[in-house]
Amino acid sequence: MTKKDIVLKVADETGFKQIDVKKVVQKTFDCIVDALSRGEKIELRNFGVFKIKQRRSRTGRNPRTGQSVPVPPRKVVVFKSGLDMKERIK
């Protein structure tokens, strides 16, 4: 499912114009990304939690040459689903 599919479904079920729904969906995603970039945790009840996790530096291996390569530390976004989502997916 793409963002466009979400917009079409919400617009169809609510009767709002697609352009208005698209603005709201995009602004929602922008707010989530902005909060994550500030290091904040996003908790959406019954859906899940988005948060930033710091990965440690490690030694990787170049698959072509087999040579060891240092991999620097980095931040990644992790998602943990909420109870309601877990139940509905079962």
PDB file of N, CA and C in Angstrom:
ATOM      1  N   MET A   1       0.856  -1.171   0.000  1.00  0.00           N
ATOM      2  CA  MET A   1       0.000   0.000   0.000  1.00  0.00           C
ATOM      3  C   MET A   1       0.905   1.237   0.000  1.00  0.00           C
ATOM      4  N   THR A   2       0.604   2.166  -0.846  1.00  0.00           N
ATOM      5  CA  THR A   2       1.383   3.399  -0.954  1.00  0.00           C
ATOM      6  C   THR A   2       0.651   4.548  -0.266  1.00  0.00           C
ATOM      7  N   LYS A   3       1.336   5.682  -0.170  1.00  0.00           N
ATOM      8  CA  LYS A   3       0.709   6.863   0.412  1.00  0.00           C
ATOM      9  C   LYS A   3      -0.522   7.267  -0.398  1.00  0.00           C
ATOM     10  N   LYS A   4      -0.441   7.125  -1.698  1.00  0.00           N
ATOM     11  CA  LYS A   4      -1.579   7.471  -2.555  1.00  0.00           C
ATOM     12  C   LYS A   4      -2.769   6.568  -2.253  1.00  0.00           C
ATOM     13  N   ASP A   5      -2.508   5.279  -2.022  1.00  0.00           N
ATOM     14  CA  ASP A   5      -3.587   4.349  -1.680  1.00  0.00           C
ATOM     15  C   ASP A   5      -4.255   4.752  -0.366  1.00  0.00           C
ATOM     16  N   ILE A   6      -3.445   5.168   0.600  1.00  0.00           N
ATOM     17  CA  ILE A   6      -3.992   5.615   1.884  1.00  0.00           C
ATOM     18  C   ILE A   6      -4.872   6.842   1.683  1.00  0.00           C
ATOM     19  N   VAL A   7      -4.382   7.793   0.900  1.00  0.00           N
ATOM     20  CA  VAL A   7      -5.144   9.022   0.635  1.00  0.00           C
ATOM     21  C   VAL A   7      -6.468   8.685  -0.038  1.00  0.00           C
ATOM     22  N   LEU A   8      -6.436   7.831  -1.044  1.00  0.00           N
ATOM     23  CA  LEU A   8      -7.666   7.460  -1.758  1.00  0.00           C
ATOM     24  C   LEU A   8      -8.664   6.768  -0.829  1.00  0.00           C
ATOM     25  N   LYS A   9      -8.186   5.872   0.016  1.00  0.00           N
ATOM     26  CA  LYS A   9      -9.069   5.140   0.923  1.00  0.00           C
ATOM     27  C   LYS A   9      -9.703   6.075   1.954  1.00  0.00           C
ATOM     28  N   VAL A  10      -8.884   6.947   2.549  1.00  0.00           N
ATOM     29  CA  VAL A  10      -9.411   7.875   3.547  1.00  0.00           C
ATOM     30  C   VAL A  10     -10.392   8.856   2.901  1.00  0.00           C
ATOM     31  N   ALA A  11     -10.058   9.366   1.735  1.00  0.00           N
ATOM     32  CA  ALA A  11     -10.945  10.302   1.039  1.00  0.00           C
ATOM     33  C   ALA A  11     -12.267   9.625   0.692  1.00  0.00           C
ATOM     34  N   ASP A  12     -12.199   8.380   0.261  1.00  0.00           N
ATOM     35  CA  ASP A  12     -13.407   7.645  -0.112  1.00  0.00           C
ATOM     36  C   ASP A  12     -14.295   7.385   1.106  1.00  0.00           C
ATOM     37  N   GLU A  13     -13.678   7.005   2.233  1.00  0.00           N
ATOM     38  CA  GLU A  13     -14.452   6.650   3.421  1.00  0.00           C
ATOM     39  C   GLU A  13     -14.964   7.856   4.201  1.00  0.00           C
ATOM     40  N   THR A  14     -14.292   9.011   4.076  1.00  0.00           N
ATOM     41  CA  THR A  14     -14.705  10.186   4.834  1.00  0.00           C
ATOM     42  C   THR A  14     -15.486  11.199   4.011  1.00  0.00           C
ATOM     43  N   GLY A  15     -15.309  11.157   2.696  1.00  0.00           N
ATOM     44  CA  GLY A  15     -15.978  12.136   1.854  1.00  0.00           C
ATOM     45  C   GLY A  15     -15.201  13.436   1.708  1.00  0.00           C
ATOM     46  N   PHE A  16     -14.013  13.526   2.297  1.00  0.00           N
ATOM     47  CA  PHE A  16     -13.181  14.716   2.131  1.00  0.00           C
ATOM     48  C   PHE A  16     -12.506  14.684   0.776  1.00  0.00           C
ATOM     49  N   LYS A  17     -12.082  15.858   0.312  1.00  0.00           N
ATOM     50  CA  LYS A  17     -11.376  15.942  -0.956  1.00  0.00           C
ATOM     51  C   LYS A  17     -10.008  15.293  -0.831  1.00  0.00           C
ATOM     52  N   GLN A  18      -9.579  14.645  -1.926  1.00  0.00           N
ATOM     53  CA  GLN A  18      -8.282  13.963  -1.925  1.00  0.00           C
ATOM     54  C   GLN A  18      -7.133  14.917  -1.627  1.00  0.00           C
ATOM     55  N   ILE A  19      -7.196  16.120  -2.157  1.00  0.00           N
ATOM     56  CA  ILE A  19      -6.114  17.090  -1.961  1.00  0.00           C
ATOM     57  C   ILE A  19      -5.979  17.462  -0.486  1.00  0.00           C
ATOM     58  N   ASP A  20      -7.121  17.574   0.216  1.00  0.00           N
ATOM     59  CA  ASP A  20      -7.089  17.900   1.638  1.00  0.00           C
ATOM     60  C   ASP A  20      -6.544  16.727   2.453  1.00  0.00           C
ATOM     61  N   VAL A  21      -6.978  15.524   2.110  1.00  0.00           N
ATOM     62  CA  VAL A  21      -6.491  14.330   2.802  1.00  0.00           C
ATOM     63  C   VAL A  21      -4.993  14.163   2.570  1.00  0.00           C
ATOM     64  N   LYS A  22      -4.546  14.431   1.343  1.00  0.00           N
ATOM     65  CA  LYS A  22      -3.118  14.303   1.020  1.00  0.00           C
ATOM     66  C   LYS A  22      -2.289  15.255   1.870  1.00  0.00           C
ATOM     67  N   LYS A  23      -2.775  16.491   2.056  1.00  0.00           N
ATOM     68  CA  LYS A  23      -2.053  17.471   2.875  1.00  0.00           C
ATOM     69  C   LYS A  23      -1.962  17.000   4.324  1.00  0.00           C
ATOM     70  N   VAL A  24      -3.048  16.449   4.847  1.00  0.00           N
ATOM     71  CA  VAL A  24      -3.061  15.985   6.238  1.00  0.00           C
ATOM     72  C   VAL A  24      -2.127  14.789   6.412  1.00  0.00           C
ATOM     73  N   VAL A  25      -2.184  13.833   5.490  1.00  0.00           N
ATOM     74  CA  VAL A  25      -1.319  12.652   5.569  1.00  0.00           C
ATOM     75  C   VAL A  25       0.144  13.068   5.470  1.00  0.00           C
ATOM     76  N   GLN A  26       0.466  13.936   4.531  1.00  0.00           N
ATOM     77  CA  GLN A  26       1.853  14.382   4.362  1.00  0.00           C
ATOM     78  C   GLN A  26       2.339  15.143   5.593  1.00  0.00           C
ATOM     79  N   LYS A  27       1.493  16.000   6.145  1.00  0.00           N
ATOM     80  CA  LYS A  27       1.873  16.764   7.336  1.00  0.00           C
ATOM     81  C   LYS A  27       2.086  15.828   8.522  1.00  0.00           C
ATOM     82  N   THR A  28       1.268  14.766   8.626  1.00  0.00           N
ATOM     83  CA  THR A  28       1.443  13.776   9.687  1.00  0.00           C
ATOM     84  C   THR A  28       2.806  13.109   9.572  1.00  0.00           C
ATOM     85  N   PHE A  29       3.150  12.675   8.360  1.00  0.00           N
ATOM     86  CA  PHE A  29       4.454  12.046   8.144  1.00  0.00           C
ATOM     87  C   PHE A  29       5.592  13.024   8.419  1.00  0.00           C
ATOM     88  N   ASP A  30       5.419  14.281   8.020  1.00  0.00           N
ATOM     89  CA  ASP A  30       6.449  15.298   8.269  1.00  0.00           C
ATOM     90  C   ASP A  30       6.667  15.504   9.766  1.00  0.00           C
ATOM     91  N   CYS A  31       5.588  15.527  10.532  1.00  0.00           N
ATOM     92  CA  CYS A  31       5.694  15.701  11.986  1.00  0.00           C
ATOM     93  C   CYS A  31       6.416  14.518  12.621  1.00  0.00           C
ATOM     94  N   ILE A  32       6.130  13.309  12.156  1.00  0.00           N
ATOM     95  CA  ILE A  32       6.795  12.117  12.679  1.00  0.00           C
ATOM     96  C   ILE A  32       8.287  12.180  12.383  1.00  0.00           C
ATOM     97  N   VAL A  33       8.649  12.508  11.148  1.00  0.00           N
ATOM     98  CA  VAL A  33      10.060  12.577  10.762  1.00  0.00           C
ATOM     99  C   VAL A  33      10.774  13.687  11.533  1.00  0.00           C
ATOM    100  N   ASP A  34      10.130  14.830  11.690  1.00  0.00           N
ATOM    101  CA  ASP A  34      10.738  15.938  12.433  1.00  0.00           C
ATOM    102  C   ASP A  34      11.008  15.548  13.883  1.00  0.00           C
ATOM    103  N   ALA A  35      10.047  14.901  14.511  1.00  0.00           N
ATOM    104  CA  ALA A  35      10.215  14.488  15.905  1.00  0.00           C
ATOM    105  C   ALA A  35      11.331  13.457  16.033  1.00  0.00           C
ATOM    106  N   LEU A  36      11.386  12.516  15.119  1.00  0.00           N
ATOM    107  CA  LEU A  36      12.447  11.509  15.157  1.00  0.00           C
ATOM    108  C   LEU A  36      13.814  12.142  14.941  1.00  0.00           C
ATOM    109  N   SER A  37      13.889  13.141  14.072  1.00  0.00           N
ATOM    110  CA  SER A  37      15.171  13.795  13.822  1.00  0.00           C
ATOM    111  C   SER A  37      15.661  14.571  15.050  1.00  0.00           C
ATOM    112  N   ARG A  38      14.719  14.951  15.919  1.00  0.00           N
ATOM    113  CA  ARG A  38      15.087  15.614  17.174  1.00  0.00           C
ATOM    114  C   ARG A  38      15.376  14.594  18.282  1.00  0.00           C
ATOM    115  N   GLY A  39      15.256  13.318  17.970  1.00  0.00           N
ATOM    116  CA  GLY A  39      15.540  12.268  18.945  1.00  0.00           C
ATOM    117  C   GLY A  39      14.360  11.896  19.814  1.00  0.00           C
ATOM    118  N   GLU A  40      13.176  12.382  19.481  1.00  0.00           N
ATOM    119  CA  GLU A  40      11.989  12.084  20.273  1.00  0.00           C
ATOM    120  C   GLU A  40      11.404  10.723  19.905  1.00  0.00           C
ATOM    121  N   LYS A  41      10.663  10.142  20.829  1.00  0.00           N
ATOM    122  CA  LYS A  41       9.970   8.881  20.599  1.00  0.00           C
ATOM    123  C   LYS A  41       8.535   9.198  20.177  1.00  0.00           C
ATOM    124  N   ILE A  42       8.025   8.495  19.167  1.00  0.00           N
ATOM    125  CA  ILE A  42       6.648   8.689  18.698  1.00  0.00           C
ATOM    126  C   ILE A  42       5.832   7.489  19.147  1.00  0.00           C
ATOM    127  N   GLU A  43       4.841   7.729  19.995  1.00  0.00           N
ATOM    128  CA  GLU A  43       3.999   6.649  20.497  1.00  0.00           C
ATOM    129  C   GLU A  43       2.571   6.871  20.018  1.00  0.00           C
ATOM    130  N   LEU A  44       2.102   5.968  19.169  1.00  0.00           N
ATOM    131  CA  LEU A  44       0.738   6.021  18.648  1.00  0.00           C
ATOM    132  C   LEU A  44      -0.029   4.861  19.276  1.00  0.00           C
ATOM    133  N   ARG A  45      -0.914   5.170  20.208  1.00  0.00           N
ATOM    134  CA  ARG A  45      -1.648   4.144  20.953  1.00  0.00           C
ATOM    135  C   ARG A  45      -2.333   3.159  20.011  1.00  0.00           C
ATOM    136  N   ASN A  46      -2.253   1.898  20.357  1.00  0.00           N
ATOM    137  CA  ASN A  46      -2.840   0.785  19.603  1.00  0.00           C
ATOM    138  C   ASN A  46      -2.226   0.599  18.220  1.00  0.00           C
ATOM    139  N   PHE A  47      -1.222   1.371  17.879  1.00  0.00           N
ATOM    140  CA  PHE A  47      -0.541   1.208  16.591  1.00  0.00           C
ATOM    141  C   PHE A  47       0.892   0.755  16.828  1.00  0.00           C
ATOM    142  N   GLY A  48       1.678   1.602  17.508  1.00  0.00           N
ATOM    143  CA  GLY A  48       3.054   1.228  17.781  1.00  0.00           C
ATOM    144  C   GLY A  48       3.901   2.408  18.177  1.00  0.00           C
ATOM    145  N   VAL A  49       5.202   2.127  18.312  1.00  0.00           N
ATOM    146  CA  VAL A  49       6.163   3.138  18.759  1.00  0.00           C
ATOM    147  C   VAL A  49       7.315   3.200  17.764  1.00  0.00           C
ATOM    148  N   PHE A  50       7.638   4.419  17.335  1.00  0.00           N
ATOM    149  CA  PHE A  50       8.816   4.679  16.517  1.00  0.00           C
ATOM    150  C   PHE A  50       9.853   5.324  17.421  1.00  0.00           C
ATOM    151  N   LYS A  51      11.098   4.887  17.329  1.00  0.00           N
ATOM    152  CA  LYS A  51      12.155   5.552  18.081  1.00  0.00           C
ATOM    153  C   LYS A  51      13.480   5.373  17.363  1.00  0.00           C
ATOM    154  N   ILE A  52      14.442   6.202  17.755  1.00  0.00           N
ATOM    155  CA  ILE A  52      15.779   6.164  17.175  1.00  0.00           C
ATOM    156  C   ILE A  52      16.655   5.276  18.048  1.00  0.00           C
ATOM    157  N   LYS A  53      17.420   4.416  17.409  1.00  0.00           N
ATOM    158  CA  LYS A  53      18.351   3.551  18.124  1.00  0.00           C
ATOM    159  C   LYS A  53      19.747   3.806  17.562  1.00  0.00           C
ATOM    160  N   GLN A  54      20.716   3.873  18.451  1.00  0.00           N
ATOM    161  CA  GLN A  54      22.105   4.086  18.042  1.00  0.00           C
ATOM    162  C   GLN A  54      22.772   2.731  17.848  1.00  0.00           C
ATOM    163  N   ARG A  55      23.260   2.475  16.658  1.00  0.00           N
ATOM    164  CA  ARG A  55      24.015   1.242  16.413  1.00  0.00           C
ATOM    165  C   ARG A  55      25.488   1.502  16.683  1.00  0.00           C
ATOM    166  N   ARG A  56      26.143   0.546  17.307  1.00  0.00           N
ATOM    167  CA  ARG A  56      27.563   0.674  17.626  1.00  0.00           C
ATOM    168  C   ARG A  56      28.417   0.511  16.365  1.00  0.00           C
ATOM    169  N   SER A  57      29.629   0.994  16.461  1.00  0.00           N
ATOM    170  CA  SER A  57      30.561   0.747  15.357  1.00  0.00           C
ATOM    171  C   SER A  57      30.957  -0.724  15.409  1.00  0.00           C
ATOM    172  N   ARG A  58      31.317  -1.257  14.274  1.00  0.00           N
ATOM    173  CA  ARG A  58      31.676  -2.667  14.204  1.00  0.00           C
ATOM    174  C   ARG A  58      32.630  -2.881  13.041  1.00  0.00           C
ATOM    175  N   THR A  59      33.132  -4.081  12.951  1.00  0.00           N
ATOM    176  CA  THR A  59      34.000  -4.433  11.840  1.00  0.00           C
ATOM    177  C   THR A  59      33.192  -5.270  10.862  1.00  0.00           C
ATOM    178  N   GLY A  60      33.080  -4.782   9.632  1.00  0.00           N
ATOM    179  CA  GLY A  60      32.372  -5.504   8.587  1.00  0.00           C
ATOM    180  C   GLY A  60      33.366  -6.173   7.652  1.00  0.00           C
ATOM    181  N   ARG A  61      32.829  -6.820   6.636  1.00  0.00           N
ATOM    182  CA  ARG A  61      33.692  -7.503   5.689  1.00  0.00           C
ATOM    183  C   ARG A  61      33.215  -7.187   4.273  1.00  0.00           C
ATOM    184  N   ASN A  62      34.153  -6.797   3.424  1.00  0.00           N
ATOM    185  CA  ASN A  62      33.847  -6.557   2.020  1.00  0.00           C
ATOM    186  C   ASN A  62      33.614  -7.927   1.370  1.00  0.00           C
ATOM    187  N   PRO A  63      32.400  -8.185   0.839  1.00  0.00           N
ATOM    188  CA  PRO A  63      32.115  -9.509   0.291  1.00  0.00           C
ATOM    189  C   PRO A  63      32.932  -9.832  -0.964  1.00  0.00           C
ATOM    190  N   ARG A  64      33.349  -8.816  -1.676  1.00  0.00           N
ATOM    191  CA  ARG A  64      34.118  -9.040  -2.903  1.00  0.00           C
ATOM    192  C   ARG A  64      35.556  -9.454  -2.621  1.00  0.00           C
ATOM    193  N   THR A  65      36.172  -8.734  -1.668  1.00  0.00           N
ATOM    194  CA  THR A  65      37.596  -8.976  -1.401  1.00  0.00           C
ATOM    195  C   THR A  65      37.845  -9.766  -0.114  1.00  0.00           C
ATOM    196  N   GLY A  66      36.852  -9.810   0.778  1.00  0.00           N
ATOM    197  CA  GLY A  66      37.035 -10.481   2.051  1.00  0.00           C
ATOM    198  C   GLY A  66      37.790  -9.638   3.066  1.00  0.00           C
ATOM    199  N   GLN A  67      38.124  -8.415   2.694  1.00  0.00           N
ATOM    200  CA  GLN A  67      38.888  -7.529   3.559  1.00  0.00           C
ATOM    201  C   GLN A  67      37.999  -6.958   4.665  1.00  0.00           C
ATOM    202  N   SER A  68      38.540  -6.839   5.884  1.00  0.00           N
ATOM    203  CA  SER A  68      37.813  -6.241   6.996  1.00  0.00           C
ATOM    204  C   SER A  68      37.693  -4.737   6.783  1.00  0.00           C
ATOM    205  N   VAL A  69      36.508  -4.190   7.073  1.00  0.00           N
ATOM    206  CA  VAL A  69      36.229  -2.772   6.874  1.00  0.00           C
ATOM    207  C   VAL A  69      35.547  -2.243   8.134  1.00  0.00           C
ATOM    208  N   PRO A  70      36.010  -1.106   8.668  1.00  0.00           N
ATOM    209  CA  PRO A  70      35.320  -0.546   9.833  1.00  0.00           C
ATOM    210  C   PRO A  70      33.987   0.077   9.419  1.00  0.00           C
ATOM    211  N   VAL A  71      32.936  -0.237  10.154  1.00  0.00           N
ATOM    212  CA  VAL A  71      31.610   0.338   9.908  1.00  0.00           C
ATOM    213  C   VAL A  71      31.345   1.325  11.049  1.00  0.00           C
ATOM    214  N   PRO A  72      31.145   2.608  10.726  1.00  0.00           N
ATOM    215  CA  PRO A  72      30.969   3.616  11.774  1.00  0.00           C
ATOM    216  C   PRO A  72      29.615   3.463  12.485  1.00  0.00           C
ATOM    217  N   PRO A  73      29.492   4.044  13.680  1.00  0.00           N
ATOM    218  CA  PRO A  73      28.193   4.018  14.366  1.00  0.00           C
ATOM    219  C   PRO A  73      27.174   4.844  13.586  1.00  0.00           C
ATOM    220  N   ARG A  74      25.910   4.476  13.716  1.00  0.00           N
ATOM    221  CA  ARG A  74      24.871   5.246  13.028  1.00  0.00           C
ATOM    222  C   ARG A  74      23.546   5.114  13.758  1.00  0.00           C
ATOM    223  N   LYS A  75      22.645   6.011  13.435  1.00  0.00           N
ATOM    224  CA  LYS A  75      21.314   5.996  14.028  1.00  0.00           C
ATOM    225  C   LYS A  75      20.352   5.338  13.045  1.00  0.00           C
ATOM    226  N   VAL A  76      19.430   4.532  13.573  1.00  0.00           N
ATOM    227  CA  VAL A  76      18.416   3.889  12.749  1.00  0.00           C
ATOM    228  C   VAL A  76      17.060   4.056  13.423  1.00  0.00           C
ATOM    229  N   VAL A  77      16.009   4.054  12.630  1.00  0.00           N
ATOM    230  CA  VAL A  77      14.651   4.128  13.151  1.00  0.00           C
ATOM    231  C   VAL A  77      14.162   2.703  13.374  1.00  0.00           C
ATOM    232  N   VAL A  78      13.618   2.459  14.558  1.00  0.00           N
ATOM    233  CA  VAL A  78      13.044   1.157  14.854  1.00  0.00           C
ATOM    234  C   VAL A  78      11.566   1.334  15.164  1.00  0.00           C
ATOM    235  N   PHE A  79      10.779   0.300  14.870  1.00  0.00           N
ATOM    236  CA  PHE A  79       9.335   0.332  15.110  1.00  0.00           C
ATOM    237  C   PHE A  79       8.944  -0.902  15.891  1.00  0.00           C
ATOM    238  N   LYS A  80       8.158  -0.705  16.930  1.00  0.00           N
ATOM    239  CA  LYS A  80       7.618  -1.813  17.707  1.00  0.00           C
ATOM    240  C   LYS A  80       6.100  -1.692  17.656  1.00  0.00           C
ATOM    241  N   SER A  81       5.448  -2.720  17.146  1.00  0.00           N
ATOM    242  CA  SER A  81       3.998  -2.649  16.977  1.00  0.00           C
ATOM    243  C   SER A  81       3.282  -2.694  18.322  1.00  0.00           C
ATOM    244  N   GLY A  82       2.109  -2.065  18.353  1.00  0.00           N
ATOM    245  CA  GLY A  82       1.287  -2.029  19.558  1.00  0.00           C
ATOM    246  C   GLY A  82       0.445  -3.288  19.698  1.00  0.00           C
ATOM    247  N   LEU A  83      -0.201  -3.430  20.842  1.00  0.00           N
ATOM    248  CA  LEU A  83      -0.986  -4.624  21.127  1.00  0.00           C
ATOM    249  C   LEU A  83      -2.137  -4.819  20.149  1.00  0.00           C
ATOM    250  N   ASP A  84      -2.836  -3.731  19.840  1.00  0.00           N
ATOM    251  CA  ASP A  84      -3.979  -3.831  18.927  1.00  0.00           C
ATOM    252  C   ASP A  84      -3.527  -4.307  17.547  1.00  0.00           C
ATOM    253  N   MET A  85      -2.416  -3.782  17.065  1.00  0.00           N
ATOM    254  CA  MET A  85      -1.902  -4.197  15.753  1.00  0.00           C
ATOM    255  C   MET A  85      -1.502  -5.666  15.794  1.00  0.00           C
ATOM    256  N   LYS A  86      -0.837  -6.080  16.860  1.00  0.00           N
ATOM    257  CA  LYS A  86      -0.423  -7.474  16.980  1.00  0.00           C
ATOM    258  C   LYS A  86      -1.629  -8.411  16.940  1.00  0.00           C
ATOM    259  N   GLU A  87      -2.684  -8.044  17.652  1.00  0.00           N
ATOM    260  CA  GLU A  87      -3.898  -8.865  17.696  1.00  0.00           C
ATOM    261  C   GLU A  87      -4.576  -8.943  16.330  1.00  0.00           C
ATOM    262  N   ARG A  88      -4.648  -7.817  15.636  1.00  0.00           N
ATOM    263  CA  ARG A  88      -5.329  -7.790  14.329  1.00  0.00           C
ATOM    264  C   ARG A  88      -4.554  -8.529  13.253  1.00  0.00           C
ATOM    265  N   ILE A  89      -3.235  -8.588  13.384  1.00  0.00           N
ATOM    266  CA  ILE A  89      -2.414  -9.269  12.383  1.00  0.00           C
ATOM    267  C   ILE A  89      -2.466 -10.783  12.562  1.00  0.00           C
ATOM    268  N   LYS A  90      -2.680 -11.250  13.785  1.00  0.00           N
ATOM    269  CA  LYS A  90      -2.698 -12.696  14.055  1.00  0.00           C
ATOM    270  C   LYS A  90      -3.646 -13.432  13.161  1.00  0.00           C
TER     271      LYS A  90
END
